[in-house]
């Protein structure tokens, strides 16, 4: 069972570090605030969650300790990180940060123009 548990831990650690690395490259390479925020909120969230899951399995398989704190950390991060990314993007849009000139669609612009016409 130790070889299988080691393989599970290594797979989760490698996947988490890969997704965190992808998020870092996304923050460097993407052209505007919105796409950078997308990279940070999606890839980094999954990367951190996989690393925390690997730590949970490490303590569970190696030390036979059930860490409810790690599970709560995973749940907390799963709930708060995407919401924070959405709110940061919404705040940037409402403060007038321009989208990349090659962006195809602006859903909030359409929504705002129709909200103003309602009584």
C-alpha atoms as a PDB file:
ATOM      1  CA  UNK A   1       0.000   0.000   0.000  1.00  0.00           C
ATOM      2  CA  UNK A   2       2.914   2.385   0.494  1.00  0.00           C
ATOM      3  CA  UNK A   3       3.844   2.415  -3.191  1.00  0.00           C
ATOM      4  CA  UNK A   4       0.265   3.265  -4.185  1.00  0.00           C
ATOM      5  CA  UNK A   5      -0.031   5.956  -1.516  1.00  0.00           C
ATOM      6  CA  UNK A   6       3.319   7.434  -2.543  1.00  0.00           C
ATOM      7  CA  UNK A   7       2.174   7.482  -6.165  1.00  0.00           C
ATOM      8  CA  UNK A   8      -1.083   9.236  -5.238  1.00  0.00           C
ATOM      9  CA  UNK A   9       0.759  11.861  -3.212  1.00  0.00           C
ATOM     10  CA  UNK A  10       3.324  12.459  -5.959  1.00  0.00           C
ATOM     11  CA  UNK A  11       0.623  12.750  -8.645  1.00  0.00           C
ATOM     12  CA  UNK A  12      -1.306  15.341  -6.639  1.00  0.00           C
ATOM     13  CA  UNK A  13       1.872  17.288  -5.825  1.00  0.00           C
ATOM     14  CA  UNK A  14       3.053  17.312  -9.433  1.00  0.00           C
ATOM     15  CA  UNK A  15      -0.369  18.296 -10.762  1.00  0.00           C
ATOM     16  CA  UNK A  16      -0.674  21.069  -8.169  1.00  0.00           C
ATOM     17  CA  UNK A  17       2.782  22.435  -8.901  1.00  0.00           C
ATOM     18  CA  UNK A  18       2.158  22.266 -12.635  1.00  0.00           C
ATOM     19  CA  UNK A  19      -1.093  24.220 -12.316  1.00  0.00           C
ATOM     20  CA  UNK A  20       0.591  26.795 -10.084  1.00  0.00           C
ATOM     21  CA  UNK A  21       3.355  27.144 -12.662  1.00  0.00           C
ATOM     22  CA  UNK A  22       0.759  27.608 -15.409  1.00  0.00           C
ATOM     23  CA  UNK A  23      -0.893  30.312 -13.296  1.00  0.00           C
ATOM     24  CA  UNK A  24       2.455  32.073 -12.886  1.00  0.00           C
ATOM     25  CA  UNK A  25       3.079  32.002 -16.636  1.00  0.00           C
ATOM     26  CA  UNK A  26      -0.453  33.268 -17.212  1.00  0.00           C
ATOM     27  CA  UNK A  27       0.161  36.220 -14.927  1.00  0.00           C
ATOM     28  CA  UNK A  28       3.291  37.100 -16.861  1.00  0.00           C
ATOM     29  CA  UNK A  29       2.111  36.460 -20.415  1.00  0.00           C
ATOM     30  CA  UNK A  30      -1.556  37.506 -20.593  1.00  0.00           C
ATOM     31  CA  UNK A  31      -2.223  41.016 -21.907  1.00  0.00           C
ATOM     32  CA  UNK A  32      -4.828  42.558 -19.585  1.00  0.00           C
ATOM     33  CA  UNK A  33      -6.168  42.491 -16.053  1.00  0.00           C
ATOM     34  CA  UNK A  34      -9.116  40.253 -16.856  1.00  0.00           C
ATOM     35  CA  UNK A  35      -7.207  37.420 -18.489  1.00  0.00           C
ATOM     36  CA  UNK A  36      -4.503  37.589 -15.821  1.00  0.00           C
ATOM     37  CA  UNK A  37      -7.133  37.397 -13.140  1.00  0.00           C
ATOM     38  CA  UNK A  38      -8.665  34.397 -14.890  1.00  0.00           C
ATOM     39  CA  UNK A  39      -5.318  32.608 -14.845  1.00  0.00           C
ATOM     40  CA  UNK A  40      -4.753  33.455 -11.204  1.00  0.00           C
ATOM     41  CA  UNK A  41      -8.187  32.465 -10.016  1.00  0.00           C
ATOM     42  CA  UNK A  42      -8.590  29.210 -11.957  1.00  0.00           C
ATOM     43  CA  UNK A  43      -5.167  27.608 -12.209  1.00  0.00           C
ATOM     44  CA  UNK A  44      -3.814  28.808  -8.890  1.00  0.00           C
ATOM     45  CA  UNK A  45      -6.972  27.719  -7.076  1.00  0.00           C
ATOM     46  CA  UNK A  46      -6.770  24.207  -8.472  1.00  0.00           C
ATOM     47  CA  UNK A  47      -3.008  24.100  -7.902  1.00  0.00           C
ATOM     48  CA  UNK A  48      -3.238  25.069  -4.249  1.00  0.00           C
ATOM     49  CA  UNK A  49      -6.148  22.692  -3.695  1.00  0.00           C
ATOM     50  CA  UNK A  50      -4.200  19.773  -5.185  1.00  0.00           C
ATOM     51  CA  UNK A  51      -1.147  20.539  -3.058  1.00  0.00           C
ATOM     52  CA  UNK A  52      -3.324  20.714   0.062  1.00  0.00           C
ATOM     53  CA  UNK A  53      -4.959  17.444  -0.962  1.00  0.00           C
ATOM     54  CA  UNK A  54      -1.514  15.863  -1.348  1.00  0.00           C
ATOM     55  CA  UNK A  55      -0.642  17.062   2.161  1.00  0.00           C
ATOM     56  CA  UNK A  56      -3.917  15.595   3.440  1.00  0.00           C
ATOM     57  CA  UNK A  57      -3.142  12.230   1.869  1.00  0.00           C
ATOM     58  CA  UNK A  58       0.422  12.353   3.181  1.00  0.00           C
ATOM     59  CA  UNK A  59      -0.748  12.761   6.750  1.00  0.00           C
ATOM     60  CA  UNK A  60      -3.510  10.224   6.252  1.00  0.00           C
ATOM     61  CA  UNK A  61      -1.378   7.480   4.666  1.00  0.00           C
ATOM     62  CA  UNK A  62       2.007   8.013   6.322  1.00  0.00           C
ATOM     63  CA  UNK A  63       1.113   9.204   9.834  1.00  0.00           C
ATOM     64  CA  UNK A  64      -2.462   7.884   9.994  1.00  0.00           C
ATOM     65  CA  UNK A  65      -3.711  11.334  11.008  1.00  0.00           C
ATOM     66  CA  UNK A  66      -7.017  12.603   9.654  1.00  0.00           C
ATOM     67  CA  UNK A  67      -6.466  16.347   9.275  1.00  0.00           C
ATOM     68  CA  UNK A  68      -9.775  18.125   9.257  1.00  0.00           C
ATOM     69  CA  UNK A  69      -7.919  21.445   9.112  1.00  0.00           C
ATOM     70  CA  UNK A  70      -6.583  20.604   5.669  1.00  0.00           C
ATOM     71  CA  UNK A  71     -10.057  19.654   4.470  1.00  0.00           C
ATOM     72  CA  UNK A  72     -11.438  22.914   5.846  1.00  0.00           C
ATOM     73  CA  UNK A  73      -8.599  24.783   4.153  1.00  0.00           C
ATOM     74  CA  UNK A  74      -9.444  23.129   0.838  1.00  0.00           C
ATOM     75  CA  UNK A  75     -13.138  23.951   1.223  1.00  0.00           C
ATOM     76  CA  UNK A  76     -12.402  27.546   2.268  1.00  0.00           C
ATOM     77  CA  UNK A  77     -10.026  28.099  -0.637  1.00  0.00           C
ATOM     78  CA  UNK A  78     -12.460  26.466  -3.075  1.00  0.00           C
ATOM     79  CA  UNK A  79     -15.199  28.879  -2.015  1.00  0.00           C
ATOM     80  CA  UNK A  80     -13.282  32.126  -1.551  1.00  0.00           C
ATOM     81  CA  UNK A  81     -10.690  32.218  -4.345  1.00  0.00           C
ATOM     82  CA  UNK A  82     -13.083  32.192  -7.345  1.00  0.00           C
ATOM     83  CA  UNK A  83     -15.388  34.680  -5.638  1.00  0.00           C
ATOM     84  CA  UNK A  84     -12.458  36.991  -4.920  1.00  0.00           C
ATOM     85  CA  UNK A  85     -11.289  36.705  -8.542  1.00  0.00           C
ATOM     86  CA  UNK A  86     -14.756  37.584  -9.778  1.00  0.00           C
ATOM     87  CA  UNK A  87     -15.020  40.586  -7.461  1.00  0.00           C
ATOM     88  CA  UNK A  88     -11.579  41.854  -8.467  1.00  0.00           C
ATOM     89  CA  UNK A  89     -12.516  41.635 -12.150  1.00  0.00           C
ATOM     90  CA  UNK A  90     -15.842  43.359 -11.507  1.00  0.00           C
ATOM     91  CA  UNK A  91     -14.121  46.137  -9.557  1.00  0.00           C
ATOM     92  CA  UNK A  92     -11.587  46.610 -12.349  1.00  0.00           C
ATOM     93  CA  UNK A  93     -14.379  46.803 -14.924  1.00  0.00           C
ATOM     94  CA  UNK A  94     -16.437  49.265 -12.890  1.00  0.00           C
ATOM     95  CA  UNK A  95     -13.410  51.485 -12.294  1.00  0.00           C
ATOM     96  CA  UNK A  96     -12.862  51.760 -16.059  1.00  0.00           C
ATOM     97  CA  UNK A  97      -9.927  49.444 -16.747  1.00  0.00           C
ATOM     98  CA  UNK A  98      -9.935  48.835 -20.489  1.00  0.00           C
ATOM     99  CA  UNK A  99     -10.060  45.385 -21.975  1.00  0.00           C
ATOM    100  CA  UNK A 100      -7.439  44.143 -24.409  1.00  0.00           C
ATOM    101  CA  UNK A 101      -8.025  45.647 -27.855  1.00  0.00           C
ATOM    102  CA  UNK A 102      -8.358  42.183 -29.417  1.00  0.00           C
ATOM    103  CA  UNK A 103     -11.079  41.086 -26.982  1.00  0.00           C
ATOM    104  CA  UNK A 104     -14.108  39.786 -28.830  1.00  0.00           C
ATOM    105  CA  UNK A 105     -17.008  40.176 -26.426  1.00  0.00           C
ATOM    106  CA  UNK A 106     -17.958  42.465 -23.545  1.00  0.00           C
ATOM    107  CA  UNK A 107     -21.031  41.059 -21.823  1.00  0.00           C
ATOM    108  CA  UNK A 108     -21.106  43.668 -19.071  1.00  0.00           C
ATOM    109  CA  UNK A 109     -21.236  46.540 -21.561  1.00  0.00           C
ATOM    110  CA  UNK A 110     -24.380  45.071 -23.093  1.00  0.00           C
ATOM    111  CA  UNK A 111     -25.904  44.481 -19.668  1.00  0.00           C
ATOM    112  CA  UNK A 112     -25.177  48.026 -18.469  1.00  0.00           C
ATOM    113  CA  UNK A 113     -26.655  49.637 -21.563  1.00  0.00           C
ATOM    114  CA  UNK A 114     -29.930  47.737 -21.076  1.00  0.00           C
ATOM    115  CA  UNK A 115     -30.148  48.372 -17.346  1.00  0.00           C
ATOM    116  CA  UNK A 116     -30.103  52.143 -17.831  1.00  0.00           C
ATOM    117  CA  UNK A 117     -33.157  52.058 -20.085  1.00  0.00           C
ATOM    118  CA  UNK A 118     -35.378  50.348 -17.544  1.00  0.00           C
ATOM    119  CA  UNK A 119     -37.626  52.631 -15.434  1.00  0.00           C
END
